[in-house]
Amino acid sequence: MPFTPLQLSLPIILASFLAHGTESAPSRDASVTSSASMPSQTPKNNDTARATASNDPRVLFAQGQAALQRGDLHEAELDFRAVIAADPRAGSAYANLGVIAMRRKEWDHALTLLQKASALQPKMSGIRLNIGLVQFRRADYAAAIAPLSTVLRDQPDSRQARYLLGLCQVFTEHYVDAVATLEPLWSQQSSDVMYLYTLDIAAQNSGHHELDEKALAQMIQIGSTTAEYHLILAKAYLNREETEKAIAELDLAAAANPRVPFLHFNLALAYVRAGNDTRAEFEFLQDLAIEPDLPDNYEQLGLIYLRTQRDADAEKSFHDALRLDPKRSSAFIGLTRLYLRQQKYPQAIAAADSVLKLVPDSQSAHFMRGQALIHLGRREEGRKELTASQKILDSALNKDRARLGDDRIPNPELTHQPE
């Protein structure tokens, strides 16, 4: 029998949509419209437009919306802040400041602004949708469920809210809820192999056998010639450590669509498994050309450079990963290993401390911190760290080891945002 995605040991969801913020209108009961794109910030236009700006909040708001639509985030922010200065209860201005923060990928700041906007305008579902998007982007899937559920309650036909909510329910293993959320999208999404695969995971894990078979049959019927389908099979083979088969499926995916998201990332992982670091580096760089903001690429490059003793490149790559994801403990682990090897013991301790702030029970961080302390002559402190490391190892409580030490395939597709 041909190998199918159902034989995966861990579900891997490839969500290929992009998230966009929504822009609210100036009146408190105005509708919320979704942005069609996420334009990049353009240079400030010498304040020419602002020189003739009115002090009327409505004029300022309209001016800010126009700036936001053309991608001038600086001008838009100045206008919306001017609206708030004139009317501190202007929830729509806070909402669009939240959109600006989202476009800058300042997720914590965006959440603060959007929560303020929602408190001022609780009936505006678009604001709550953006809160859900931000929580999704912050990988707090459980926190995203409540606001997205309220959006779906108010707007049952919102495909965006329904699909995003279904993903969050799958990520948090609420499979029965995920089936109830995702199944109504069948008429719209049943030609999308990614939707079918997500639904299939939810159905399989919740005991909905008929829906499981239906989703699988549909996926095979429509997906056999798509890049996404071959990518799914390749992920399955990677998790089964059947590297040659994975590479063959990824080559088929590349023939169908060489720019499908995460294709080159997974091909690079396959070549890492095959021991071909040169080809793996090339594929990670190829993926960066498609997904320039994916920290996993930089981290994996850092690991290659660490293995091949290209220390300067390794350090830069780990820092690039942390620039995009400051809470990426695994990148700090890489830096700790690098500094320890270079005998830069104070830097190694600082990097290990960063790991332990994020993952207090990291066996690797305690162990390497202990080694660095002993090399600095701080033997008693070092022995305490080594003892802590051994206790964590012996008691099997090491979350960091479970995530980083067993050579599992990372799955950045899980957090690729739906629109």
Protein backbone atom coordinates (compact mmCIF):
# COMPACT_ATOMS: atom_id res chain seq x y z
CA MET A 1 0.00 0.00 0.00
CA PRO A 2 1.42 3.45 -0.85
CA PHE A 3 2.70 5.50 2.03
CA THR A 4 0.22 8.16 3.11
CA PRO A 5 0.39 11.18 5.43
CA LEU A 6 -1.75 9.28 7.93
CA GLN A 7 1.30 7.22 8.85
CA LEU A 8 3.06 10.25 10.33
CA SER A 9 4.07 9.85 13.95
CA LEU A 10 3.46 13.54 14.55
CA PRO A 11 0.97 15.69 12.63
CA ILE A 12 2.60 18.31 10.41
CA ILE A 13 0.41 21.07 9.15
CA LEU A 14 1.47 23.15 6.19
CA ALA A 15 -0.55 26.36 6.40
CA SER A 16 0.33 28.40 3.32
CA PHE A 17 -1.71 31.53 3.90
CA LEU A 18 -0.35 34.95 4.82
CA ALA A 19 -1.69 37.03 7.68
CA HIS A 20 -2.75 40.59 7.12
CA GLY A 21 -3.93 43.14 9.64
CA THR A 22 -7.31 44.78 9.35
CA GLU A 23 -7.93 48.49 9.28
CA SER A 24 -10.80 49.97 11.20
CA ALA A 25 -12.81 52.97 10.10
CA PRO A 26 -13.15 56.17 12.12
CA SER A 27 -16.67 55.90 13.46
CA ARG A 28 -17.30 53.58 16.39
CA ASP A 29 -19.83 51.45 14.58
CA ALA A 30 -18.11 51.42 11.19
CA SER A 31 -17.26 48.14 9.50
CA VAL A 32 -13.79 46.61 9.57
CA THR A 33 -12.16 45.82 6.24
CA SER A 34 -9.26 43.49 5.59
CA SER A 35 -6.08 44.71 3.95
CA ALA A 36 -5.36 43.15 0.60
CA SER A 37 -1.63 43.14 1.18
CA MET A 38 1.09 43.93 3.69
CA PRO A 39 3.06 46.73 1.97
CA SER A 40 6.49 47.58 3.25
CA GLN A 41 7.28 50.89 4.86
CA THR A 42 8.22 53.71 2.47
CA PRO A 43 10.48 56.63 3.26
CA LYS A 44 9.07 59.66 5.00
CA ASN A 45 7.85 62.27 2.51
CA ASN A 46 9.52 65.27 4.23
CA ASP A 47 6.34 65.89 6.21
CA THR A 48 4.84 67.67 3.18
CA ALA A 49 1.43 66.14 3.72
CA ARG A 50 1.50 66.87 7.43
CA ALA A 51 2.36 70.51 6.89
CA THR A 52 -1.17 71.11 5.64
CA ALA A 53 -2.89 68.67 7.96
CA SER A 54 -6.07 69.67 9.74
CA ASN A 55 -6.49 69.38 13.50
CA ASP A 56 -9.84 67.69 12.89
CA PRO A 57 -9.52 64.07 14.14
CA ARG A 58 -11.59 62.80 11.21
CA VAL A 59 -9.32 64.46 8.71
CA LEU A 60 -6.26 63.16 10.55
CA PHE A 61 -7.76 59.68 10.62
CA ALA A 62 -8.49 59.71 6.89
CA GLN A 63 -4.97 61.01 6.28
CA GLY A 64 -3.56 58.19 8.42
CA GLN A 65 -5.59 55.57 6.55
CA ALA A 66 -4.30 56.88 3.23
CA ALA A 67 -0.72 56.71 4.51
CA LEU A 68 -1.30 53.19 5.81
CA GLN A 69 -2.74 52.05 2.48
CA ARG A 70 0.30 53.31 0.59
CA GLY A 71 2.65 51.68 3.12
CA ASP A 72 3.96 54.86 4.78
CA LEU A 73 3.93 53.53 8.32
CA HIS A 74 5.78 56.51 9.79
CA GLU A 75 3.25 59.06 8.55
CA ALA A 76 0.31 56.83 9.43
CA GLU A 77 1.58 56.43 12.99
CA LEU A 78 1.97 60.21 13.44
CA ASP A 79 -1.58 60.81 12.21
CA PHE A 80 -3.21 58.13 14.36
CA ARG A 81 -1.33 59.34 17.43
CA ALA A 82 -2.58 62.85 16.67
CA VAL A 83 -6.13 61.44 16.58
CA ILE A 84 -5.62 59.90 20.02
CA ALA A 85 -4.20 63.15 21.37
CA ALA A 86 -7.43 64.87 20.30
CA ASP A 87 -9.70 62.00 21.35
CA PRO A 88 -8.18 59.53 23.86
CA ARG A 89 -11.16 57.19 23.36
CA ALA A 90 -10.61 56.80 19.61
CA GLY A 91 -10.52 53.02 19.51
CA SER A 92 -10.14 52.92 15.74
CA ALA A 93 -6.91 54.90 15.96
CA TYR A 94 -5.54 52.42 18.51
CA ALA A 95 -6.64 49.59 16.22
CA ASN A 96 -4.73 50.97 13.26
CA LEU A 97 -1.68 51.64 15.42
CA GLY A 98 -1.95 47.95 16.20
CA VAL A 99 -2.00 47.17 12.48
CA ILE A 100 1.15 49.27 12.05
CA ALA A 101 2.87 47.33 14.82
CA MET A 102 1.77 44.07 13.15
CA ARG A 103 3.28 45.13 9.85
CA ARG A 104 6.50 45.91 11.70
CA LYS A 105 6.22 42.50 13.37
CA GLU A 106 6.27 44.10 16.81
CA TRP A 107 3.87 41.51 18.15
CA ASP A 108 3.88 42.37 21.87
CA HIS A 109 3.37 46.06 21.14
CA ALA A 110 0.62 45.24 18.65
CA LEU A 111 -1.20 43.15 21.23
CA THR A 112 -1.17 46.00 23.78
CA LEU A 113 -2.58 48.45 21.24
CA LEU A 114 -5.24 46.06 19.96
CA GLN A 115 -6.40 45.15 23.46
CA LYS A 116 -6.79 48.87 24.19
CA ALA A 117 -8.76 49.26 20.97
CA SER A 118 -10.97 46.30 21.81
CA ALA A 119 -11.73 47.68 25.26
CA LEU A 120 -12.87 50.93 23.64
CA GLN A 121 -14.76 49.26 20.79
CA PRO A 122 -15.74 45.77 21.97
CA LYS A 123 -18.23 45.24 19.15
CA MET A 124 -15.65 45.53 16.37
CA SER A 125 -14.87 41.96 15.41
CA GLY A 126 -12.00 43.00 13.14
CA ILE A 127 -10.02 44.12 16.15
CA ARG A 128 -10.55 40.78 17.85
CA LEU A 129 -9.52 39.02 14.64
CA ASN A 130 -6.23 40.90 14.71
CA ILE A 131 -5.75 39.99 18.37
CA GLY A 132 -6.15 36.36 17.34
CA LEU A 133 -3.65 36.81 14.52
CA VAL A 134 -1.12 38.39 16.87
CA GLN A 135 -1.52 35.63 19.45
CA PHE A 136 -1.06 33.11 16.65
CA ARG A 137 2.12 34.85 15.54
CA ARG A 138 3.36 34.87 19.14
CA ALA A 139 2.80 31.07 19.13
CA ASP A 140 0.26 31.43 21.95
CA TYR A 141 -2.34 29.31 20.19
CA ALA A 142 -4.43 28.73 23.30
CA ALA A 143 -4.76 32.48 23.85
CA ALA A 144 -5.82 32.96 20.22
CA ILE A 145 -8.82 30.65 20.54
CA ALA A 146 -11.05 32.96 22.64
CA PRO A 147 -10.88 36.08 20.44
CA LEU A 148 -11.18 34.05 17.24
CA SER A 149 -14.20 32.21 18.65
CA THR A 150 -15.96 35.51 19.27
CA VAL A 151 -15.22 36.64 15.72
CA LEU A 152 -16.70 33.44 14.36
CA ARG A 153 -19.73 33.84 16.62
CA ASP A 154 -20.34 37.31 15.19
CA GLN A 155 -19.35 36.40 11.62
CA PRO A 156 -20.02 32.70 10.97
CA ASP A 157 -19.07 33.14 7.30
CA SER A 158 -15.57 34.48 8.05
CA ARG A 159 -13.29 32.00 6.30
CA GLN A 160 -10.21 33.65 7.77
CA ALA A 161 -11.39 33.42 11.37
CA ARG A 162 -12.70 29.87 10.94
CA TYR A 163 -9.55 28.50 9.34
CA LEU A 164 -7.26 30.22 11.84
CA LEU A 165 -9.36 29.02 14.76
CA GLY A 166 -9.32 25.47 13.40
CA LEU A 167 -5.53 25.56 13.15
CA CYS A 168 -5.21 26.78 16.73
CA GLN A 169 -7.51 24.00 17.91
CA VAL A 170 -5.38 21.42 16.10
CA PHE A 171 -2.18 22.91 17.55
CA THR A 172 -3.64 22.68 21.05
CA GLU A 173 -4.96 19.16 20.35
CA HIS A 174 -8.63 20.09 20.62
CA TYR A 175 -9.37 17.82 17.69
CA VAL A 176 -13.13 17.44 18.19
CA ASP A 177 -13.53 21.23 18.24
CA ALA A 178 -11.23 21.51 15.22
CA VAL A 179 -13.44 19.17 13.17
CA ALA A 180 -16.54 21.20 14.07
CA THR A 181 -14.73 24.40 13.08
CA LEU A 182 -13.05 23.23 9.89
CA GLU A 183 -15.62 20.90 8.32
CA PRO A 184 -17.98 23.76 7.27
CA LEU A 185 -15.16 25.07 5.03
CA TRP A 186 -15.35 21.97 2.83
CA SER A 187 -17.34 23.61 0.03
CA GLN A 188 -14.80 26.45 -0.19
CA GLN A 189 -11.54 24.67 0.60
CA SER A 190 -11.85 21.06 -0.56
CA SER A 191 -9.62 21.77 -3.54
CA ASP A 192 -6.84 22.92 -1.18
CA VAL A 193 -4.57 20.05 -0.18
CA MET A 194 -3.36 21.92 2.91
CA TYR A 195 -6.88 22.37 4.23
CA LEU A 196 -7.63 18.70 3.56
CA TYR A 197 -4.50 17.59 5.38
CA THR A 198 -5.33 19.75 8.40
CA LEU A 199 -8.90 18.46 8.47
CA ASP A 200 -7.64 14.90 8.08
CA ILE A 201 -5.39 15.27 11.12
CA ALA A 202 -8.31 16.59 13.19
CA ALA A 203 -10.65 13.85 11.96
CA GLN A 204 -8.14 11.05 12.51
CA ASN A 205 -7.33 12.16 16.06
CA SER A 206 -10.96 12.70 17.05
CA GLY A 207 -12.25 9.38 15.78
CA HIS A 208 -14.26 10.79 12.85
CA HIS A 209 -13.40 7.86 10.60
CA GLU A 210 -15.74 8.66 7.72
CA LEU A 211 -14.47 12.24 7.51
CA ASP A 212 -10.92 10.92 7.81
CA GLU A 213 -11.42 8.66 4.79
CA LYS A 214 -13.27 11.37 2.87
CA ALA A 215 -10.49 13.94 3.43
CA LEU A 216 -7.76 11.45 2.54
CA ALA A 217 -9.51 10.32 -0.63
CA GLN A 218 -10.05 13.90 -1.73
CA MET A 219 -6.46 14.82 -0.93
CA ILE A 220 -5.11 11.94 -3.00
CA GLN A 221 -7.51 12.72 -5.86
CA ILE A 222 -6.54 16.38 -6.19
CA GLY A 223 -3.07 16.41 -4.73
CA SER A 224 -1.00 13.84 -6.53
CA THR A 225 0.35 16.37 -9.02
CA THR A 226 0.76 19.32 -6.65
CA ALA A 227 3.98 20.49 -5.03
CA GLU A 228 2.24 20.67 -1.66
CA TYR A 229 1.24 17.02 -1.79
CA HIS A 230 4.78 15.87 -2.52
CA LEU A 231 6.02 18.15 0.25
CA ILE A 232 3.64 16.49 2.72
CA LEU A 233 4.89 13.04 1.70
CA ALA A 234 8.49 14.22 2.01
CA LYS A 235 7.82 15.43 5.56
CA ALA A 236 6.42 12.03 6.37
CA TYR A 237 9.52 10.30 5.00
CA LEU A 238 11.80 12.67 6.90
CA ASN A 239 10.07 11.82 10.15
CA ARG A 240 10.48 8.12 9.32
CA GLU A 241 14.19 8.82 8.56
CA GLU A 242 13.76 7.59 4.98
CA THR A 243 15.95 10.33 3.59
CA GLU A 244 16.34 9.14 0.00
CA LYS A 245 12.57 8.86 -0.44
CA ALA A 246 12.13 12.31 1.08
CA ILE A 247 14.59 13.83 -1.37
CA ALA A 248 12.81 12.12 -4.28
CA GLU A 249 9.45 13.59 -3.20
CA LEU A 250 10.97 17.03 -2.71
CA ASP A 251 12.48 16.88 -6.18
CA LEU A 252 8.98 16.15 -7.53
CA ALA A 253 7.65 19.11 -5.53
CA ALA A 254 10.35 21.34 -6.97
CA ALA A 255 9.48 20.23 -10.49
CA ALA A 256 5.87 21.25 -9.88
CA ASN A 257 6.62 24.55 -8.11
CA PRO A 258 10.18 25.45 -7.05
CA ARG A 259 8.93 28.40 -4.97
CA VAL A 260 6.45 26.59 -2.77
CA PRO A 261 7.05 27.73 0.84
CA PHE A 262 9.36 25.48 2.89
CA LEU A 263 10.28 23.24 -0.04
CA HIS A 264 13.95 24.23 0.03
CA PHE A 265 13.96 24.29 3.83
CA ASN A 266 12.91 20.65 3.98
CA LEU A 267 15.23 19.69 1.14
CA ALA A 268 18.06 21.25 3.14
CA LEU A 269 17.06 19.21 6.20
CA ALA A 270 17.12 16.08 4.08
CA TYR A 271 20.65 16.85 2.92
CA VAL A 272 21.68 17.49 6.54
CA ARG A 273 20.40 13.99 7.30
CA ALA A 274 22.36 12.68 4.31
CA GLY A 275 25.54 14.32 5.61
CA ASN A 276 25.81 16.73 2.68
CA ASP A 277 26.35 20.06 4.44
CA THR A 278 27.38 21.84 1.25
CA ARG A 279 24.11 21.07 -0.51
CA ALA A 280 22.16 21.73 2.70
CA GLU A 281 23.68 25.21 2.99
CA PHE A 282 22.73 25.94 -0.62
CA GLU A 283 19.12 24.86 -0.03
CA PHE A 284 18.77 26.91 3.17
CA LEU A 285 19.99 29.96 1.27
CA GLN A 286 17.49 29.18 -1.49
CA ASP A 287 14.71 29.09 1.09
CA LEU A 288 15.87 32.40 2.55
CA ALA A 289 15.28 33.98 -0.85
CA ILE A 290 11.63 32.90 -0.55
CA GLU A 291 11.15 33.17 3.24
CA PRO A 292 13.58 35.91 4.35
CA ASP A 293 12.00 36.23 7.79
CA LEU A 294 12.13 32.56 8.78
CA PRO A 295 14.45 32.23 11.81
CA ASP A 296 14.72 28.45 11.34
CA ASN A 297 16.82 28.98 8.22
CA TYR A 298 19.34 31.12 10.07
CA GLU A 299 19.49 28.72 13.01
CA GLN A 300 20.03 25.70 10.78
CA LEU A 301 22.74 27.56 8.87
CA GLY A 302 24.33 28.39 12.21
CA LEU A 303 24.42 24.71 13.10
CA ILE A 304 26.08 23.87 9.78
CA TYR A 305 28.67 26.58 10.30
CA LEU A 306 29.22 25.40 13.88
CA ARG A 307 29.86 21.86 12.66
CA THR A 308 32.23 23.01 9.94
CA GLN A 309 34.04 25.43 12.26
CA ARG A 310 33.05 28.57 10.37
CA ASP A 311 32.72 30.38 13.65
CA ALA A 312 32.11 33.93 12.42
CA ASP A 313 29.35 32.74 10.09
CA ALA A 314 27.84 30.62 12.86
CA GLU A 315 27.74 33.53 15.31
CA LYS A 316 26.13 35.82 12.74
CA SER A 317 23.54 33.23 11.78
CA PHE A 318 22.50 32.56 15.37
CA HIS A 319 22.19 36.29 15.98
CA ASP A 320 20.12 36.65 12.81
CA ALA A 321 17.77 33.95 14.11
CA LEU A 322 17.48 35.77 17.45
CA ARG A 323 16.82 39.08 15.70
CA LEU A 324 13.71 37.51 14.20
CA ASP A 325 12.79 35.45 17.27
CA PRO A 326 14.36 36.79 20.49
CA LYS A 327 12.88 33.89 22.48
CA ARG A 328 14.52 31.17 20.40
CA SER A 329 16.32 29.22 23.12
CA SER A 330 17.87 26.81 20.62
CA ALA A 331 19.79 29.68 18.98
CA PHE A 332 21.14 30.68 22.39
CA ILE A 333 22.18 27.04 22.86
CA GLY A 334 24.12 27.29 19.60
CA LEU A 335 25.86 30.46 20.75
CA THR A 336 26.71 28.84 24.09
CA ARG A 337 28.34 25.91 22.32
CA LEU A 338 30.22 28.24 20.01
CA TYR A 339 31.58 30.46 22.81
CA LEU A 340 32.50 27.46 24.94
CA ARG A 341 34.50 26.00 22.07
CA GLN A 342 36.18 29.36 21.50
CA GLN A 343 37.00 29.53 25.23
CA LYS A 344 35.01 32.75 25.53
CA TYR A 345 33.68 31.70 28.90
CA PRO A 346 31.94 34.93 30.02
CA GLN A 347 30.05 35.05 26.71
CA ALA A 348 29.18 31.36 27.06
CA ILE A 349 27.76 31.99 30.54
CA ALA A 350 25.73 34.96 29.28
CA ALA A 351 24.29 32.89 26.41
CA ALA A 352 23.49 30.00 28.77
CA ASP A 353 21.77 32.45 31.12
CA SER A 354 19.57 33.56 28.21
CA VAL A 355 18.58 29.93 27.62
CA LEU A 356 17.75 29.38 31.29
CA LYS A 357 15.52 32.45 31.39
CA LEU A 358 13.46 30.85 28.63
CA VAL A 359 13.86 27.17 29.55
CA PRO A 360 14.83 26.85 33.25
CA ASP A 361 15.18 23.07 33.02
CA SER A 362 17.52 23.05 30.01
CA GLN A 363 20.02 20.30 30.72
CA SER A 364 22.35 21.50 27.97
CA ALA A 365 22.45 25.06 29.30
CA HIS A 366 23.15 23.97 32.88
CA PHE A 367 25.88 21.60 31.69
CA MET A 368 27.65 24.14 29.48
CA ARG A 369 27.28 26.89 32.07
CA GLY A 370 28.91 24.60 34.61
CA GLN A 371 31.82 23.90 32.27
CA ALA A 372 32.36 27.61 31.63
CA LEU A 373 32.31 28.42 35.36
CA ILE A 374 34.87 25.73 36.13
CA HIS A 375 37.17 27.07 33.39
CA LEU A 376 36.92 30.51 35.03
CA GLY A 377 37.95 29.02 38.38
CA ARG A 378 34.46 29.25 39.89
CA ARG A 379 34.47 25.56 40.73
CA GLU A 380 31.77 25.44 43.40
CA GLU A 381 29.28 27.26 41.17
CA GLY A 382 30.28 25.09 38.27
CA ARG A 383 29.75 21.85 40.20
CA LYS A 384 26.28 23.04 41.24
CA GLU A 385 25.39 23.59 37.59
CA LEU A 386 26.72 20.17 36.59
CA THR A 387 24.74 18.56 39.41
CA ALA A 388 21.59 20.37 38.26
CA SER A 389 22.26 19.19 34.73
CA GLN A 390 22.60 15.57 35.83
CA LYS A 391 19.41 15.70 37.91
CA ILE A 392 17.45 17.00 34.94
CA LEU A 393 18.92 14.31 32.72
CA ASP A 394 18.22 11.55 35.21
CA SER A 395 14.63 12.62 35.86
CA ALA A 396 13.81 13.02 32.15
CA LEU A 397 12.42 16.54 32.74
CA ASN A 398 14.61 18.19 30.15
CA LYS A 399 12.30 19.91 27.72
CA ASP A 400 15.22 21.38 25.85
CA ARG A 401 16.73 17.95 25.29
CA ALA A 402 13.42 16.59 24.07
CA ARG A 403 13.12 19.40 21.57
CA LEU A 404 16.74 19.82 20.48
CA GLY A 405 18.62 16.65 21.21
CA ASP A 406 16.79 13.90 19.37
CA ASP A 407 17.41 15.00 15.77
CA ARG A 408 13.73 15.49 15.02
CA ILE A 409 12.74 17.52 11.98
CA PRO A 410 11.66 21.07 12.91
CA ASN A 411 8.32 22.18 11.51
CA PRO A 412 8.16 25.94 10.86
CA GLU A 413 5.10 25.27 8.69
CA LEU A 414 3.12 24.97 11.89
CA THR A 415 3.47 28.67 12.53
CA HIS A 416 3.16 29.99 9.00
CA GLN A 417 0.24 32.38 9.32
CA PRO A 418 -3.07 31.85 7.55
CA GLU A 419 -4.76 34.87 6.08
